[in-house]
Amino acid sequence: MTENATQLTVTRTIDAPAKEIFDLLSLPERHREFDGSNTVRSDEKSDRIQAVGDVFVMNMHAEHMGGDYQMYNHVTAFDRDKMIGWQPAQEKNKDNPAGWEWLYELRPLSADSTEVTLTYDWSKVEDEKLASIFPAFDADVLDESLNQLAAAVSGS
C-alpha cells in the first residue's frame, strides 16, 4: 500500500488474464461485485464503458450520505486491458465531477496472472468543505475491493 496526502494505492496479484479483469471492470452492472465499501447497489442500466468521456450512473447507499443516492461517473482513463478510471459526480452536479478518481491499472505477469493496482486519488478536489472528508475510505476498503475483484473474476 502507498499513501500520501491526496491518494491511496493498493496492489494485488489476481490469477486471471488482464483481458478478463478489464472486461469485468468495464461493465458497470458488475461493479457491485467488487465494491469493498459496500455502497454500490446497482448500475442505472449503463452500457459497457468504451472510452474516455463515457458516463455511467450507479445507484448507491450510505447512511452518512442520507441513504440512497446516485453517482454519475465520468470515465477519465481507458486503455483496453491496461487501465480504466473514473471521477464521480454527485447527482446535483452530474456534469461536473468533484475531483476524486478511482483508477485501476493492469499489468500482465503471465498469461493467467495480472498485477492490479487500485488508486483512490482526491488531489483534484477543490471544494474545501468536500476536501475535508477525504479520504472517505481507507486502504482496507481498497484491499477489500481487490479481494472481491479477484473473487468476481474467478467466478466469471
N, C-alpha and C. Protein backbone atom coordinates (compact mmCIF):
# COMPACT_ATOMS: atom_id res chain seq x y z
N MET A 1 0.84 -1.18 0.00
CA MET A 1 0.00 0.00 0.00
C MET A 1 0.88 1.24 0.00
N THR A 2 0.48 2.22 -0.80
CA THR A 2 1.15 3.51 -0.83
C THR A 2 0.14 4.55 -0.41
N GLU A 3 0.61 5.49 0.41
CA GLU A 3 -0.29 6.52 0.90
C GLU A 3 0.44 7.85 0.89
N ASN A 4 -0.23 8.90 0.43
CA ASN A 4 0.30 10.25 0.60
C ASN A 4 -0.87 11.14 0.98
N ALA A 5 -0.68 12.44 0.96
CA ALA A 5 -1.71 13.35 1.45
C ALA A 5 -2.98 13.36 0.61
N THR A 6 -2.89 12.94 -0.64
CA THR A 6 -4.07 13.05 -1.51
C THR A 6 -4.40 11.77 -2.27
N GLN A 7 -3.81 10.65 -1.90
CA GLN A 7 -4.19 9.40 -2.57
C GLN A 7 -3.78 8.18 -1.76
N LEU A 8 -4.50 7.10 -2.04
CA LEU A 8 -4.17 5.78 -1.51
C LEU A 8 -4.02 4.85 -2.70
N THR A 9 -3.06 3.95 -2.63
CA THR A 9 -2.85 2.98 -3.71
C THR A 9 -2.60 1.62 -3.10
N VAL A 10 -3.29 0.61 -3.62
CA VAL A 10 -3.06 -0.77 -3.21
C VAL A 10 -2.84 -1.62 -4.46
N THR A 11 -2.07 -2.68 -4.30
CA THR A 11 -1.74 -3.56 -5.42
C THR A 11 -1.92 -4.99 -4.98
N ARG A 12 -2.36 -5.81 -5.90
CA ARG A 12 -2.53 -7.23 -5.62
C ARG A 12 -2.42 -8.00 -6.93
N THR A 13 -1.92 -9.22 -6.84
CA THR A 13 -1.89 -10.11 -7.99
C THR A 13 -3.18 -10.91 -8.03
N ILE A 14 -3.80 -10.93 -9.20
CA ILE A 14 -5.03 -11.69 -9.40
C ILE A 14 -4.75 -12.77 -10.44
N ASP A 15 -5.16 -13.98 -10.13
CA ASP A 15 -4.92 -15.11 -11.02
C ASP A 15 -5.97 -15.14 -12.13
N ALA A 16 -5.82 -14.22 -13.07
CA ALA A 16 -6.70 -14.12 -14.23
C ALA A 16 -5.99 -13.26 -15.27
N PRO A 17 -6.30 -13.49 -16.53
CA PRO A 17 -5.73 -12.63 -17.58
C PRO A 17 -6.25 -11.19 -17.46
N ALA A 18 -5.42 -10.24 -17.87
CA ALA A 18 -5.81 -8.83 -17.81
C ALA A 18 -7.10 -8.58 -18.59
N LYS A 19 -7.29 -9.25 -19.72
CA LYS A 19 -8.49 -9.06 -20.53
C LYS A 19 -9.75 -9.40 -19.73
N GLU A 20 -9.74 -10.49 -18.98
CA GLU A 20 -10.92 -10.87 -18.19
C GLU A 20 -11.21 -9.86 -17.08
N ILE A 21 -10.15 -9.38 -16.44
CA ILE A 21 -10.32 -8.39 -15.37
C ILE A 21 -10.86 -7.09 -15.96
N PHE A 22 -10.29 -6.66 -17.08
CA PHE A 22 -10.74 -5.43 -17.73
C PHE A 22 -12.20 -5.54 -18.17
N ASP A 23 -12.56 -6.70 -18.71
CA ASP A 23 -13.95 -6.90 -19.14
C ASP A 23 -14.92 -6.71 -17.97
N LEU A 24 -14.54 -7.19 -16.79
CA LEU A 24 -15.38 -7.03 -15.60
C LEU A 24 -15.41 -5.56 -15.17
N LEU A 25 -14.26 -4.91 -15.13
CA LEU A 25 -14.18 -3.51 -14.70
C LEU A 25 -14.94 -2.58 -15.64
N SER A 26 -15.01 -2.92 -16.91
CA SER A 26 -15.65 -2.03 -17.88
C SER A 26 -17.15 -2.27 -18.01
N LEU A 27 -17.70 -3.13 -17.18
CA LEU A 27 -19.13 -3.43 -17.21
C LEU A 27 -19.79 -2.96 -15.91
N PRO A 28 -20.37 -1.75 -15.90
CA PRO A 28 -20.93 -1.19 -14.67
C PRO A 28 -21.92 -2.11 -13.95
N GLU A 29 -22.66 -2.92 -14.66
CA GLU A 29 -23.63 -3.80 -13.99
C GLU A 29 -22.95 -4.79 -13.05
N ARG A 30 -21.62 -4.95 -13.15
CA ARG A 30 -20.91 -5.87 -12.25
C ARG A 30 -20.12 -5.16 -11.15
N HIS A 31 -20.16 -3.83 -11.11
CA HIS A 31 -19.36 -3.09 -10.13
C HIS A 31 -19.70 -3.42 -8.69
N ARG A 32 -20.94 -3.77 -8.43
CA ARG A 32 -21.32 -4.11 -7.05
C ARG A 32 -20.50 -5.30 -6.54
N GLU A 33 -20.11 -6.18 -7.45
CA GLU A 33 -19.39 -7.40 -7.07
C GLU A 33 -18.00 -7.11 -6.51
N PHE A 34 -17.42 -5.96 -6.82
CA PHE A 34 -16.08 -5.67 -6.31
C PHE A 34 -16.01 -4.34 -5.56
N ASP A 35 -17.12 -3.97 -4.94
CA ASP A 35 -17.18 -2.74 -4.15
C ASP A 35 -16.85 -3.03 -2.69
N GLY A 36 -15.63 -2.77 -2.30
CA GLY A 36 -15.20 -3.02 -0.93
C GLY A 36 -15.82 -2.09 0.09
N SER A 37 -16.43 -0.99 -0.35
CA SER A 37 -17.07 -0.04 0.56
C SER A 37 -18.51 -0.44 0.89
N ASN A 38 -19.06 -1.34 0.11
CA ASN A 38 -20.44 -1.79 0.28
C ASN A 38 -21.45 -0.64 0.12
N THR A 39 -21.13 0.32 -0.75
CA THR A 39 -22.05 1.43 -1.01
C THR A 39 -22.73 1.31 -2.37
N VAL A 40 -22.14 0.56 -3.31
CA VAL A 40 -22.72 0.39 -4.64
C VAL A 40 -23.87 -0.60 -4.55
N ARG A 41 -25.03 -0.21 -5.07
CA ARG A 41 -26.19 -1.10 -5.06
C ARG A 41 -26.43 -1.70 -6.44
N SER A 42 -26.38 -0.87 -7.50
CA SER A 42 -26.61 -1.35 -8.86
C SER A 42 -26.24 -0.25 -9.85
N ASP A 43 -26.15 -0.64 -11.11
CA ASP A 43 -25.96 0.38 -12.13
C ASP A 43 -27.33 0.84 -12.61
N GLU A 44 -27.37 1.97 -13.24
CA GLU A 44 -28.62 2.52 -13.76
C GLU A 44 -28.68 2.24 -15.26
N LYS A 45 -28.71 0.92 -15.59
CA LYS A 45 -28.81 0.48 -16.99
C LYS A 45 -27.73 1.11 -17.86
N SER A 46 -26.51 1.09 -17.37
CA SER A 46 -25.38 1.67 -18.09
C SER A 46 -24.81 0.67 -19.09
N ASP A 47 -24.33 1.18 -20.21
CA ASP A 47 -23.66 0.35 -21.20
C ASP A 47 -22.23 0.06 -20.76
N ARG A 48 -21.60 -0.91 -21.44
CA ARG A 48 -20.20 -1.18 -21.19
C ARG A 48 -19.39 0.10 -21.47
N ILE A 49 -18.41 0.36 -20.64
CA ILE A 49 -17.53 1.51 -20.81
C ILE A 49 -16.68 1.26 -22.05
N GLN A 50 -16.66 2.25 -22.95
CA GLN A 50 -15.95 2.11 -24.23
C GLN A 50 -14.81 3.10 -24.42
N ALA A 51 -14.84 4.24 -23.70
CA ALA A 51 -13.85 5.28 -23.99
C ALA A 51 -13.85 6.35 -22.91
N VAL A 52 -12.77 7.12 -22.87
CA VAL A 52 -12.73 8.32 -22.04
C VAL A 52 -13.88 9.21 -22.49
N GLY A 53 -14.58 9.79 -21.54
CA GLY A 53 -15.73 10.65 -21.84
C GLY A 53 -17.06 9.96 -21.61
N ASP A 54 -17.08 8.62 -21.58
CA ASP A 54 -18.31 7.92 -21.25
C ASP A 54 -18.74 8.29 -19.83
N VAL A 55 -20.03 8.21 -19.57
CA VAL A 55 -20.57 8.45 -18.23
C VAL A 55 -21.47 7.27 -17.89
N PHE A 56 -21.27 6.71 -16.71
CA PHE A 56 -22.17 5.65 -16.25
C PHE A 56 -22.69 6.02 -14.88
N VAL A 57 -23.93 5.61 -14.61
CA VAL A 57 -24.61 6.02 -13.39
C VAL A 57 -24.75 4.83 -12.46
N MET A 58 -24.41 5.04 -11.19
CA MET A 58 -24.51 3.99 -10.19
C MET A 58 -25.49 4.40 -9.11
N ASN A 59 -26.32 3.44 -8.69
CA ASN A 59 -27.21 3.62 -7.55
C ASN A 59 -26.44 3.23 -6.30
N MET A 60 -26.42 4.11 -5.33
CA MET A 60 -25.59 3.96 -4.15
C MET A 60 -26.44 4.03 -2.89
N HIS A 61 -25.83 3.62 -1.77
CA HIS A 61 -26.48 3.78 -0.47
C HIS A 61 -25.40 3.93 0.60
N ALA A 62 -25.55 4.97 1.40
CA ALA A 62 -24.70 5.17 2.57
C ALA A 62 -25.47 6.05 3.55
N GLU A 63 -25.48 5.62 4.79
CA GLU A 63 -26.21 6.39 5.81
C GLU A 63 -25.67 7.81 5.94
N HIS A 64 -24.32 7.97 5.89
CA HIS A 64 -23.74 9.30 6.04
C HIS A 64 -24.04 10.22 4.85
N MET A 65 -24.58 9.63 3.76
CA MET A 65 -24.99 10.42 2.59
C MET A 65 -26.51 10.61 2.56
N GLY A 66 -27.18 10.19 3.63
CA GLY A 66 -28.62 10.35 3.70
C GLY A 66 -29.40 9.18 3.13
N GLY A 67 -28.73 8.05 2.89
CA GLY A 67 -29.40 6.87 2.37
C GLY A 67 -29.09 6.63 0.92
N ASP A 68 -30.13 6.51 0.09
CA ASP A 68 -29.95 6.22 -1.33
C ASP A 68 -29.59 7.49 -2.10
N TYR A 69 -28.71 7.33 -3.08
CA TYR A 69 -28.31 8.44 -3.94
C TYR A 69 -27.70 7.86 -5.22
N GLN A 70 -27.42 8.71 -6.19
CA GLN A 70 -26.78 8.28 -7.43
C GLN A 70 -25.48 9.03 -7.63
N MET A 71 -24.54 8.35 -8.30
CA MET A 71 -23.29 8.97 -8.71
C MET A 71 -23.16 8.84 -10.23
N TYR A 72 -22.76 9.93 -10.86
CA TYR A 72 -22.53 9.99 -12.30
C TYR A 72 -21.02 9.90 -12.50
N ASN A 73 -20.56 8.79 -13.02
CA ASN A 73 -19.12 8.51 -13.12
C ASN A 73 -18.61 8.83 -14.52
N HIS A 74 -17.69 9.78 -14.59
CA HIS A 74 -17.12 10.26 -15.84
C HIS A 74 -15.80 9.52 -16.09
N VAL A 75 -15.73 8.76 -17.18
CA VAL A 75 -14.54 7.96 -17.47
C VAL A 75 -13.40 8.89 -17.86
N THR A 76 -12.30 8.78 -17.12
CA THR A 76 -11.13 9.64 -17.30
C THR A 76 -9.92 8.90 -17.83
N ALA A 77 -9.96 7.57 -17.76
CA ALA A 77 -8.84 6.76 -18.25
C ALA A 77 -9.41 5.51 -18.89
N PHE A 78 -8.91 5.18 -20.08
CA PHE A 78 -9.38 3.99 -20.77
C PHE A 78 -8.29 3.54 -21.73
N ASP A 79 -7.66 2.44 -21.42
CA ASP A 79 -6.68 1.81 -22.30
C ASP A 79 -6.96 0.32 -22.19
N ARG A 80 -7.65 -0.22 -23.19
CA ARG A 80 -8.18 -1.59 -23.14
C ARG A 80 -7.16 -2.59 -22.58
N ASP A 81 -7.62 -3.33 -21.58
CA ASP A 81 -6.86 -4.38 -20.91
C ASP A 81 -5.67 -3.86 -20.10
N LYS A 82 -5.56 -2.52 -19.95
CA LYS A 82 -4.43 -1.94 -19.21
C LYS A 82 -4.85 -0.97 -18.11
N MET A 83 -5.86 -0.13 -18.39
CA MET A 83 -6.20 0.92 -17.43
C MET A 83 -7.63 1.39 -17.65
N ILE A 84 -8.31 1.65 -16.51
CA ILE A 84 -9.65 2.24 -16.57
C ILE A 84 -9.86 3.05 -15.29
N GLY A 85 -10.43 4.23 -15.44
CA GLY A 85 -10.67 5.07 -14.27
C GLY A 85 -11.81 6.02 -14.49
N TRP A 86 -12.35 6.55 -13.39
CA TRP A 86 -13.48 7.46 -13.48
C TRP A 86 -13.48 8.42 -12.29
N GLN A 87 -14.10 9.58 -12.54
CA GLN A 87 -14.33 10.57 -11.50
C GLN A 87 -15.82 10.68 -11.26
N PRO A 88 -16.27 10.45 -10.02
CA PRO A 88 -17.70 10.56 -9.71
C PRO A 88 -18.16 12.01 -9.57
N ALA A 89 -19.41 12.20 -9.92
CA ALA A 89 -20.09 13.48 -9.69
C ALA A 89 -21.40 13.18 -8.99
N GLN A 90 -21.72 13.98 -7.99
CA GLN A 90 -22.98 13.80 -7.29
C GLN A 90 -24.12 14.26 -8.18
N GLU A 91 -25.30 13.71 -7.93
CA GLU A 91 -26.47 13.96 -8.78
C GLU A 91 -26.71 15.44 -9.04
N LYS A 92 -26.57 16.27 -8.02
CA LYS A 92 -26.86 17.70 -8.20
C LYS A 92 -25.85 18.38 -9.12
N ASN A 93 -24.67 17.79 -9.28
CA ASN A 93 -23.63 18.32 -10.17
C ASN A 93 -23.22 17.26 -11.18
N LYS A 94 -24.19 16.57 -11.77
CA LYS A 94 -23.90 15.37 -12.54
C LYS A 94 -22.96 15.59 -13.72
N ASP A 95 -22.83 16.80 -14.20
CA ASP A 95 -21.93 17.06 -15.32
C ASP A 95 -20.55 17.53 -14.88
N ASN A 96 -20.36 17.71 -13.58
CA ASN A 96 -19.09 18.24 -13.07
C ASN A 96 -18.55 17.37 -11.95
N PRO A 97 -17.63 16.45 -12.27
CA PRO A 97 -17.03 15.65 -11.20
C PRO A 97 -16.38 16.55 -10.16
N ALA A 98 -16.40 16.07 -8.92
CA ALA A 98 -15.91 16.88 -7.80
C ALA A 98 -14.40 16.78 -7.59
N GLY A 99 -13.74 15.89 -8.32
CA GLY A 99 -12.28 15.89 -8.26
C GLY A 99 -11.63 14.64 -7.72
N TRP A 100 -12.40 13.64 -7.28
CA TRP A 100 -11.74 12.41 -6.86
C TRP A 100 -11.87 11.36 -7.95
N GLU A 101 -10.93 10.43 -7.96
CA GLU A 101 -10.87 9.45 -9.05
C GLU A 101 -10.54 8.07 -8.52
N TRP A 102 -11.14 7.08 -9.17
CA TRP A 102 -10.83 5.67 -8.96
C TRP A 102 -10.11 5.20 -10.22
N LEU A 103 -8.93 4.65 -10.08
CA LEU A 103 -8.13 4.23 -11.23
C LEU A 103 -7.61 2.81 -11.02
N TYR A 104 -7.89 1.94 -11.98
CA TYR A 104 -7.39 0.56 -11.98
C TYR A 104 -6.36 0.44 -13.08
N GLU A 105 -5.17 -0.05 -12.73
CA GLU A 105 -4.12 -0.30 -13.70
C GLU A 105 -3.79 -1.80 -13.68
N LEU A 106 -3.71 -2.38 -14.88
CA LEU A 106 -3.49 -3.82 -15.01
C LEU A 106 -2.15 -4.06 -15.69
N ARG A 107 -1.34 -4.93 -15.07
CA ARG A 107 -0.04 -5.29 -15.66
C ARG A 107 0.06 -6.81 -15.69
N PRO A 108 -0.02 -7.39 -16.91
CA PRO A 108 0.07 -8.84 -17.01
C PRO A 108 1.42 -9.35 -16.47
N LEU A 109 1.36 -10.39 -15.66
CA LEU A 109 2.57 -11.04 -15.16
C LEU A 109 2.84 -12.32 -15.94
N SER A 110 1.76 -12.92 -16.42
CA SER A 110 1.83 -14.12 -17.25
C SER A 110 0.49 -14.21 -17.99
N ALA A 111 0.28 -15.29 -18.72
CA ALA A 111 -0.98 -15.44 -19.45
C ALA A 111 -2.19 -15.49 -18.52
N ASP A 112 -1.98 -15.97 -17.29
CA ASP A 112 -3.09 -16.15 -16.34
C ASP A 112 -2.91 -15.42 -15.02
N SER A 113 -2.11 -14.37 -15.01
CA SER A 113 -1.84 -13.65 -13.77
C SER A 113 -1.63 -12.17 -14.09
N THR A 114 -2.26 -11.32 -13.30
CA THR A 114 -2.21 -9.88 -13.55
C THR A 114 -2.01 -9.13 -12.24
N GLU A 115 -1.09 -8.18 -12.26
CA GLU A 115 -0.93 -7.28 -11.13
C GLU A 115 -1.94 -6.14 -11.32
N VAL A 116 -2.80 -5.95 -10.33
CA VAL A 116 -3.83 -4.91 -10.39
C VAL A 116 -3.51 -3.86 -9.33
N THR A 117 -3.44 -2.62 -9.75
CA THR A 117 -3.21 -1.50 -8.84
C THR A 117 -4.45 -0.63 -8.85
N LEU A 118 -4.98 -0.38 -7.66
CA LEU A 118 -6.14 0.49 -7.49
C LEU A 118 -5.69 1.75 -6.75
N THR A 119 -5.94 2.88 -7.38
CA THR A 119 -5.60 4.17 -6.77
C THR A 119 -6.87 4.97 -6.55
N TYR A 120 -6.98 5.49 -5.35
CA TYR A 120 -8.08 6.38 -4.94
C TYR A 120 -7.42 7.74 -4.72
N ASP A 121 -7.69 8.68 -5.63
CA ASP A 121 -6.97 9.96 -5.66
C ASP A 121 -7.97 11.11 -5.52
N TRP A 122 -7.74 11.96 -4.55
CA TRP A 122 -8.61 13.12 -4.34
C TRP A 122 -7.82 14.43 -4.47
N SER A 123 -6.74 14.40 -5.22
CA SER A 123 -5.87 15.58 -5.35
C SER A 123 -6.52 16.72 -6.13
N LYS A 124 -7.56 16.43 -6.91
CA LYS A 124 -8.19 17.48 -7.71
C LYS A 124 -9.46 18.04 -7.06
N VAL A 125 -9.74 17.64 -5.82
CA VAL A 125 -10.91 18.18 -5.11
C VAL A 125 -10.59 19.63 -4.73
N GLU A 126 -11.39 20.56 -5.23
CA GLU A 126 -11.15 21.98 -4.97
C GLU A 126 -12.05 22.55 -3.88
N ASP A 127 -13.21 21.98 -3.69
CA ASP A 127 -14.15 22.45 -2.68
C ASP A 127 -13.59 22.11 -1.30
N GLU A 128 -13.29 23.11 -0.50
CA GLU A 128 -12.65 22.89 0.81
C GLU A 128 -13.52 22.06 1.75
N LYS A 129 -14.82 22.32 1.74
CA LYS A 129 -15.72 21.55 2.60
C LYS A 129 -15.70 20.08 2.20
N LEU A 130 -15.78 19.81 0.91
CA LEU A 130 -15.73 18.44 0.43
C LEU A 130 -14.36 17.82 0.70
N ALA A 131 -13.31 18.56 0.48
CA ALA A 131 -11.95 18.04 0.69
C ALA A 131 -11.73 17.58 2.13
N SER A 132 -12.45 18.18 3.06
CA SER A 132 -12.27 17.84 4.47
C SER A 132 -12.72 16.42 4.81
N ILE A 133 -13.52 15.80 3.95
CA ILE A 133 -13.98 14.43 4.25
C ILE A 133 -13.03 13.36 3.71
N PHE A 134 -12.03 13.76 2.94
CA PHE A 134 -11.12 12.78 2.34
C PHE A 134 -9.96 12.46 3.26
N PRO A 135 -9.56 11.19 3.23
CA PRO A 135 -10.13 10.10 2.45
C PRO A 135 -11.41 9.58 3.09
N ALA A 136 -12.44 9.41 2.28
CA ALA A 136 -13.71 8.87 2.78
C ALA A 136 -13.61 7.36 3.00
N PHE A 137 -12.63 6.72 2.37
CA PHE A 137 -12.38 5.28 2.52
C PHE A 137 -10.91 5.08 2.83
N ASP A 138 -10.62 4.03 3.59
CA ASP A 138 -9.22 3.76 3.92
C ASP A 138 -8.68 2.63 3.04
N ALA A 139 -7.40 2.33 3.25
CA ALA A 139 -6.73 1.31 2.43
C ALA A 139 -7.38 -0.07 2.58
N ASP A 140 -7.98 -0.34 3.74
CA ASP A 140 -8.65 -1.64 3.92
C ASP A 140 -9.81 -1.80 2.94
N VAL A 141 -10.52 -0.71 2.65
CA VAL A 141 -11.63 -0.77 1.69
C VAL A 141 -11.07 -1.05 0.29
N LEU A 142 -9.96 -0.43 -0.05
CA LEU A 142 -9.35 -0.68 -1.35
C LEU A 142 -8.85 -2.12 -1.45
N ASP A 143 -8.22 -2.61 -0.39
CA ASP A 143 -7.78 -4.01 -0.36
C ASP A 143 -8.97 -4.96 -0.55
N GLU A 144 -10.06 -4.66 0.14
CA GLU A 144 -11.25 -5.50 0.02
C GLU A 144 -11.82 -5.44 -1.39
N SER A 145 -11.75 -4.28 -2.03
CA SER A 145 -12.21 -4.17 -3.42
C SER A 145 -11.41 -5.10 -4.33
N LEU A 146 -10.09 -5.14 -4.14
CA LEU A 146 -9.27 -6.02 -4.97
C LEU A 146 -9.51 -7.49 -4.63
N ASN A 147 -9.74 -7.80 -3.35
CA ASN A 147 -10.10 -9.18 -2.99
C ASN A 147 -11.40 -9.60 -3.65
N GLN A 148 -12.39 -8.71 -3.64
CA GLN A 148 -13.67 -9.01 -4.26
C GLN A 148 -13.56 -9.07 -5.78
N LEU A 149 -12.70 -8.23 -6.35
CA LEU A 149 -12.47 -8.29 -7.79
C LEU A 149 -11.89 -9.65 -8.18
N ALA A 150 -10.93 -10.13 -7.40
CA ALA A 150 -10.34 -11.45 -7.65
C ALA A 150 -11.41 -12.55 -7.59
N ALA A 151 -12.28 -12.47 -6.59
CA ALA A 151 -13.35 -13.46 -6.46
C ALA A 151 -14.34 -13.36 -7.62
N ALA A 152 -14.68 -12.15 -8.01
CA ALA A 152 -15.65 -11.95 -9.09
C ALA A 152 -15.12 -12.46 -10.42
N VAL A 153 -13.87 -12.18 -10.69
CA VAL A 153 -13.31 -12.60 -11.99
C VAL A 153 -13.11 -14.11 -12.03
N SER A 154 -12.84 -14.74 -10.90
CA SER A 154 -12.67 -16.19 -10.88
C SER A 154 -14.02 -16.89 -11.04
N GLY A 155 -15.11 -16.19 -10.67
CA GLY A 155 -16.44 -16.75 -10.80
C GLY A 155 -17.10 -16.46 -12.13
N SER A 156 -16.40 -15.69 -12.99
CA SER A 156 -16.99 -15.32 -14.30
C SER A 156 -17.12 -16.49 -15.22
